[in-house]
């Protein structure tokens, strides 16, 4: 469906990881490089004795053609697949 290349630009162990999207090719939209230059942020904290991961794709906005599809996909990958990977050792990276 797509390709993206990232570089870790910030990492605070146990707290935060930020990726910069260096290159992207989304095959299902007209402007294939919509993600290029955006940042993907994972913030990790504790809440009521559990780990909370807050995910933000900075630069992914409702004005972009991929917004609805990409938002839904991120919701699945972060909210379901990543959670399964952490809790069971098996995620769903290719769904």
Protein backbone atom coordinates (compact mmCIF):
# COMPACT_ATOMS: atom_id res chain seq x y z
CA UNK A 1 0.00 0.00 0.00
CA UNK A 2 2.73 2.44 0.87
CA UNK A 3 6.36 3.03 1.67
CA UNK A 4 7.83 5.39 4.23
CA UNK A 5 11.36 5.95 5.51
CA UNK A 6 11.91 7.39 8.98
CA UNK A 7 14.73 8.62 11.19
CA UNK A 8 14.55 8.71 14.97
CA UNK A 9 15.07 12.37 15.85
CA UNK A 10 14.27 12.23 19.55
CA UNK A 11 14.34 9.46 22.11
CA UNK A 12 13.91 9.67 25.84
CA UNK A 13 14.16 6.14 27.24
CA UNK A 14 10.84 4.97 28.63
CA UNK A 15 9.19 8.33 27.84
CA UNK A 16 9.19 9.37 24.20
CA UNK A 17 10.22 8.43 20.65
CA UNK A 18 9.87 10.77 17.66
CA UNK A 19 10.32 9.72 14.03
CA UNK A 20 10.84 12.18 11.16
CA UNK A 21 9.39 10.93 7.87
CA UNK A 22 12.24 11.36 5.38
CA UNK A 23 10.43 9.90 2.37
CA UNK A 24 6.99 8.48 1.63
CA UNK A 25 5.00 6.98 -1.19
CA UNK A 26 1.32 6.42 -0.54
CA UNK A 27 -0.06 4.53 -3.52
CA UNK A 28 -3.72 5.26 -2.81
CA UNK A 29 -3.63 9.10 -3.00
CA UNK A 30 -2.78 11.64 -5.70
CA UNK A 31 0.00 13.34 -3.72
CA UNK A 32 2.03 10.23 -2.91
CA UNK A 33 4.50 12.06 -0.64
CA UNK A 34 1.89 13.49 1.79
CA UNK A 35 3.74 12.12 4.82
CA UNK A 36 7.21 13.40 3.87
CA UNK A 37 8.37 15.93 6.46
CA UNK A 38 5.79 14.88 9.05
CA UNK A 39 6.69 13.54 12.49
CA UNK A 40 5.35 10.51 14.32
CA UNK A 41 5.39 10.77 18.11
CA UNK A 42 5.03 8.01 20.70
CA UNK A 43 4.76 9.33 24.26
CA UNK A 44 4.89 6.76 27.06
CA UNK A 45 3.57 7.38 30.57
CA UNK A 46 2.04 5.59 33.53
CA UNK A 47 -1.63 5.93 34.34
CA UNK A 48 -3.30 4.09 37.21
CA UNK A 49 -0.55 1.46 37.30
CA UNK A 50 -0.69 0.78 33.55
CA UNK A 51 1.41 1.97 30.64
CA UNK A 52 -0.22 4.59 28.42
CA UNK A 53 1.09 5.16 24.88
CA UNK A 54 -0.06 8.42 23.30
CA UNK A 55 0.41 8.47 19.53
CA UNK A 56 0.41 11.59 17.35
CA UNK A 57 1.15 11.87 13.63
CA UNK A 58 2.05 15.55 13.43
CA UNK A 59 1.45 16.85 9.93
CA UNK A 60 -1.36 14.41 9.12
CA UNK A 61 -4.28 16.81 8.82
CA UNK A 62 -7.94 16.56 7.71
CA UNK A 63 -7.09 18.57 4.58
CA UNK A 64 -4.98 15.70 3.24
CA UNK A 65 -6.48 13.05 1.01
CA UNK A 66 -5.13 10.18 3.14
CA UNK A 67 -6.37 11.57 6.47
CA UNK A 68 -9.42 9.34 6.99
CA UNK A 69 -7.75 6.14 5.77
CA UNK A 70 -4.46 6.84 7.54
CA UNK A 71 -6.13 7.83 10.82
CA UNK A 72 -8.10 4.59 10.84
CA UNK A 73 -5.03 2.53 9.98
CA UNK A 74 -2.94 4.19 12.72
CA UNK A 75 -5.79 3.52 15.15
CA UNK A 76 -5.62 -0.17 14.29
CA UNK A 77 -1.83 -0.49 14.30
CA UNK A 78 -1.26 1.44 17.52
CA UNK A 79 -4.48 0.59 19.37
CA UNK A 80 -4.74 -3.07 18.42
CA UNK A 81 -1.67 -4.54 16.72
CA UNK A 82 0.94 -2.86 18.95
CA UNK A 83 -1.08 -3.70 22.05
CA UNK A 84 -1.23 -7.38 20.99
CA UNK A 85 2.49 -7.38 20.25
CA UNK A 86 3.27 -6.01 23.72
CA UNK A 87 0.84 -8.25 25.59
CA UNK A 88 1.13 -11.51 23.63
CA UNK A 89 4.31 -11.23 21.54
CA UNK A 90 2.25 -11.39 18.30
CA UNK A 91 1.10 -8.26 16.49
CA UNK A 92 -0.67 -7.92 13.15
CA UNK A 93 1.75 -5.87 11.03
CA UNK A 94 0.41 -6.96 7.63
CA UNK A 95 -3.34 -6.58 8.04
